[in-house]
Structure formats: structure tokens, C-alpha cells
Amino acid sequence: MKYISQLFLVLVLSFFSFTSYADNWSFLDGSVITYFTDKDNELMQANVISALNKTPDGKKSMWKNPSTGAWGYAMPSKTAVKNGNRCRNVTVFNSARQTTGQAVYRLCKIKNQWEIVGN
């Protein structure tokens, strides 16, 4: 369950355009997440996990939904071993309806699942 909540955090944060914020949920207005379909979300999530597992540092793993035009990429970097676990930074970029969002996260593969960790 911890993995699911942490992955959800990664995915939600990757949708934000980071150009607006507020003290209530209105900060989501106009962010990429508001334009994603279920299929867009599914494609993006699968791409992030695939990139973490298979893509070399500095290379982009792209996804696109031809039905909606939404697209994005995940680009791993700074792969290292920490406490016996493989850790990577991943830059997640997404675009939908001319709105973009990008964020960088540090994750480690713990017990065969990617989890957000501190530096």
C-alpha cells in the first residue's frame, strides 16, 4: 500500500504546471492532470515505471496517446546504490492541451518496488 500511495504522489505532482497555486484545491485548475484521461494516466504511469526499470541515465522514455494528443517523458538520472537498493532520480514531463508540467523525484527500488526517498 505504501508503494501505491508514493507512486500516486509522484504521478500527481508530475502533472502540475507549477504556474499557479492557492490555499485550496483551486491550484489544480489549469494543471495538466485536469486534462488527462484515464488512458493518458495509464500510459504515463507505465512509462515512468518502465523508464525506472530499463532506461539508461540521461535517455528519455516517451509516451503518447494519439487519441488525445497528450504526451510526456520520463528521464532517469543519477543512478546509484544506497543501502543495497538501486536509486535513481527521474524527471517526469507531461503535456496535454497546451499545458505542461515537470518535476524531478528521487526513488529507490526497495523490495522490488519503487519508492520516493529523500536525497
C-alpha atoms as a PDB file:
ATOM      1  CA  MET A   1       0.000   0.000   0.000  1.00  0.00           C
ATOM      2  CA  LYS A   2       2.907   2.356   0.759  1.00  0.00           C
ATOM      3  CA  TYR A   3       4.168   1.894  -2.810  1.00  0.00           C
ATOM      4  CA  ILE A   4       0.785   2.804  -4.297  1.00  0.00           C
ATOM      5  CA  SER A   5       0.469   5.992  -2.248  1.00  0.00           C
ATOM      6  CA  GLN A   6       4.015   7.055  -3.064  1.00  0.00           C
ATOM      7  CA  LEU A   7       3.601   6.304  -6.767  1.00  0.00           C
ATOM      8  CA  PHE A   8       0.349   8.274  -6.724  1.00  0.00           C
ATOM      9  CA  LEU A   9       2.236  11.222  -5.219  1.00  0.00           C
ATOM     10  CA  VAL A  10       4.876  11.041  -7.961  1.00  0.00           C
ATOM     11  CA  LEU A  11       2.264  10.903 -10.662  1.00  0.00           C
ATOM     12  CA  VAL A  12       0.058  13.648  -9.279  1.00  0.00           C
ATOM     13  CA  LEU A  13       2.967  16.003  -8.717  1.00  0.00           C
ATOM     14  CA  SER A  14       4.245  15.362 -12.216  1.00  0.00           C
ATOM     15  CA  PHE A  15       1.015  16.746 -13.643  1.00  0.00           C
ATOM     16  CA  PHE A  16       1.232  20.181 -12.078  1.00  0.00           C
ATOM     17  CA  SER A  17       2.126  23.085 -14.281  1.00  0.00           C
ATOM     18  CA  PHE A  18       3.735  24.817 -11.269  1.00  0.00           C
ATOM     19  CA  THR A  19       2.497  28.151 -12.579  1.00  0.00           C
ATOM     20  CA  SER A  20      -0.403  28.545 -10.176  1.00  0.00           C
ATOM     21  CA  TYR A  21      -1.100  27.714  -6.553  1.00  0.00           C
ATOM     22  CA  ALA A  22      -3.547  28.537  -3.788  1.00  0.00           C
ATOM     23  CA  ASP A  23      -4.512  27.570  -0.275  1.00  0.00           C
ATOM     24  CA  ASN A  24      -7.307  25.325  -1.532  1.00  0.00           C
ATOM     25  CA  TRP A  25      -7.791  22.795  -4.340  1.00  0.00           C
ATOM     26  CA  SER A  26      -8.122  25.537  -6.937  1.00  0.00           C
ATOM     27  CA  PHE A  27      -4.381  25.182  -7.549  1.00  0.00           C
ATOM     28  CA  LEU A  28      -5.286  22.162  -9.712  1.00  0.00           C
ATOM     29  CA  ASP A  29      -7.298  24.362 -12.070  1.00  0.00           C
ATOM     30  CA  GLY A  30      -5.479  24.507 -15.372  1.00  0.00           C
ATOM     31  CA  SER A  31      -2.871  21.888 -14.454  1.00  0.00           C
ATOM     32  CA  VAL A  32      -2.045  19.017 -16.769  1.00  0.00           C
ATOM     33  CA  ILE A  33      -3.841  16.495 -14.539  1.00  0.00           C
ATOM     34  CA  THR A  34      -7.167  18.166 -15.242  1.00  0.00           C
ATOM     35  CA  TYR A  35      -6.790  17.314 -18.936  1.00  0.00           C
ATOM     36  CA  PHE A  36      -5.639  13.688 -18.649  1.00  0.00           C
ATOM     37  CA  THR A  37      -7.988  10.844 -19.477  1.00  0.00           C
ATOM     38  CA  ASP A  38      -7.766   7.510 -17.665  1.00  0.00           C
ATOM     39  CA  LYS A  39      -5.813   6.168 -20.657  1.00  0.00           C
ATOM     40  CA  ASP A  40      -3.381   9.116 -20.550  1.00  0.00           C
ATOM     41  CA  ASN A  41      -2.766   8.424 -16.872  1.00  0.00           C
ATOM     42  CA  GLU A  42      -2.304   4.701 -17.509  1.00  0.00           C
ATOM     43  CA  LEU A  43       0.208   5.330 -20.310  1.00  0.00           C
ATOM     44  CA  MET A  44       2.161   7.845 -18.234  1.00  0.00           C
ATOM     45  CA  GLN A  45       2.357   5.560 -15.190  1.00  0.00           C
ATOM     46  CA  ALA A  46       3.526   2.597 -17.245  1.00  0.00           C
ATOM     47  CA  ASN A  47       6.159   4.791 -18.894  1.00  0.00           C
ATOM     48  CA  VAL A  48       7.576   6.046 -15.584  1.00  0.00           C
ATOM     49  CA  ILE A  49       7.930   2.511 -14.202  1.00  0.00           C
ATOM     50  CA  SER A  50       9.425   1.239 -17.456  1.00  0.00           C
ATOM     51  CA  ALA A  51      11.930   4.130 -17.525  1.00  0.00           C
ATOM     52  CA  LEU A  52      12.987   3.478 -13.947  1.00  0.00           C
ATOM     53  CA  ASN A  53      13.492  -0.212 -14.691  1.00  0.00           C
ATOM     54  CA  LYS A  54      15.039  -0.094 -18.172  1.00  0.00           C
ATOM     55  CA  THR A  55      16.111   3.340 -19.447  1.00  0.00           C
ATOM     56  CA  PRO A  56      19.758   4.445 -19.111  1.00  0.00           C
ATOM     57  CA  ASP A  57      20.603   7.696 -17.317  1.00  0.00           C
ATOM     58  CA  GLY A  58      20.065  10.750 -19.480  1.00  0.00           C
ATOM     59  CA  LYS A  59      17.806   8.997 -22.013  1.00  0.00           C
ATOM     60  CA  LYS A  60      14.119   9.862 -22.378  1.00  0.00           C
ATOM     61  CA  SER A  61      11.395   7.253 -22.368  1.00  0.00           C
ATOM     62  CA  MET A  62       8.462   8.783 -24.256  1.00  0.00           C
ATOM     63  CA  TRP A  63       4.727   8.074 -24.211  1.00  0.00           C
ATOM     64  CA  LYS A  64       1.885   9.486 -26.285  1.00  0.00           C
ATOM     65  CA  ASN A  65      -1.836   8.926 -26.561  1.00  0.00           C
ATOM     66  CA  PRO A  66      -2.785   9.521 -30.216  1.00  0.00           C
ATOM     67  CA  SER A  67      -6.455   9.724 -29.241  1.00  0.00           C
ATOM     68  CA  THR A  68      -5.981  12.783 -27.028  1.00  0.00           C
ATOM     69  CA  GLY A  69      -2.630  14.196 -28.130  1.00  0.00           C
ATOM     70  CA  ALA A  70      -1.361  14.039 -24.542  1.00  0.00           C
ATOM     71  CA  TRP A  71       2.275  13.024 -24.242  1.00  0.00           C
ATOM     72  CA  GLY A  72       5.248  13.059 -21.949  1.00  0.00           C
ATOM     73  CA  TYR A  73       8.508  11.500 -20.953  1.00  0.00           C
ATOM     74  CA  ALA A  74      10.429  10.123 -18.012  1.00  0.00           C
ATOM     75  CA  MET A  75      14.203  10.565 -17.916  1.00  0.00           C
ATOM     76  CA  PRO A  76      16.196   8.753 -15.228  1.00  0.00           C
ATOM     77  CA  SER A  77      19.487  10.141 -13.923  1.00  0.00           C
ATOM     78  CA  LYS A  78      21.966   9.822 -11.065  1.00  0.00           C
ATOM     79  CA  THR A  79      21.606   6.071 -10.666  1.00  0.00           C
ATOM     80  CA  ALA A  80      23.379   4.827  -7.542  1.00  0.00           C
ATOM     81  CA  VAL A  81      23.172   2.108  -4.919  1.00  0.00           C
ATOM     82  CA  LYS A  82      22.112   3.237  -1.445  1.00  0.00           C
ATOM     83  CA  ASN A  83      21.813   0.751   1.423  1.00  0.00           C
ATOM     84  CA  GLY A  84      21.849  -2.065  -1.130  1.00  0.00           C
ATOM     85  CA  ASN A  85      18.964  -0.578  -3.134  1.00  0.00           C
ATOM     86  CA  ARG A  86      19.095   0.849  -6.662  1.00  0.00           C
ATOM     87  CA  CYS A  87      18.172   4.542  -6.533  1.00  0.00           C
ATOM     88  CA  ARG A  88      17.511   6.964  -9.384  1.00  0.00           C
ATOM     89  CA  ASN A  89      16.351  10.486  -9.992  1.00  0.00           C
ATOM     90  CA  VAL A  90      13.612  10.717 -12.580  1.00  0.00           C
ATOM     91  CA  THR A  91      12.472  13.819 -14.416  1.00  0.00           C
ATOM     92  CA  VAL A  92       8.805  13.492 -15.343  1.00  0.00           C
ATOM     93  CA  PHE A  93       7.385  15.806 -18.001  1.00  0.00           C
ATOM     94  CA  ASN A  94       3.793  15.758 -19.263  1.00  0.00           C
ATOM     95  CA  SER A  95       1.770  17.794 -21.744  1.00  0.00           C
ATOM     96  CA  ALA A  96      -1.944  17.958 -22.528  1.00  0.00           C
ATOM     97  CA  ARG A  97      -3.991  20.660 -24.206  1.00  0.00           C
ATOM     98  CA  GLN A  98      -1.044  23.068 -24.387  1.00  0.00           C
ATOM     99  CA  THR A  99      -0.420  22.756 -20.643  1.00  0.00           C
ATOM    100  CA  THR A 100       2.822  21.287 -19.342  1.00  0.00           C
ATOM    101  CA  GLY A 101       4.252  20.129 -16.049  1.00  0.00           C
ATOM    102  CA  GLN A 102       7.651  18.860 -14.972  1.00  0.00           C
ATOM    103  CA  ALA A 103       9.157  17.614 -11.718  1.00  0.00           C
ATOM    104  CA  VAL A 104      12.169  15.627 -10.518  1.00  0.00           C
ATOM    105  CA  TYR A 105      11.919  12.863  -7.902  1.00  0.00           C
ATOM    106  CA  ARG A 106      14.391  10.578  -6.115  1.00  0.00           C
ATOM    107  CA  LEU A 107      13.225   6.960  -5.917  1.00  0.00           C
ATOM    108  CA  CYS A 108      14.799   3.739  -4.689  1.00  0.00           C
ATOM    109  CA  LYS A 109      13.753   0.214  -5.578  1.00  0.00           C
ATOM    110  CA  ILE A 110      13.004  -1.371  -2.211  1.00  0.00           C
ATOM    111  CA  LYS A 111      11.696  -4.932  -2.083  1.00  0.00           C
ATOM    112  CA  ASN A 112      11.138  -4.803  -5.860  1.00  0.00           C
ATOM    113  CA  GLN A 113       9.004  -1.626  -5.706  1.00  0.00           C
ATOM    114  CA  TRP A 114       9.978   1.969  -6.488  1.00  0.00           C
ATOM    115  CA  GLU A 115       9.522   4.299  -3.501  1.00  0.00           C
ATOM    116  CA  ILE A 116      10.088   8.029  -3.120  1.00  0.00           C
ATOM    117  CA  VAL A 117      13.025   8.754  -0.830  1.00  0.00           C
ATOM    118  CA  GLY A 118      14.888  11.845   0.346  1.00  0.00           C
ATOM    119  CA  ASN A 119      18.193  12.869  -1.145  1.00  0.00           C
END
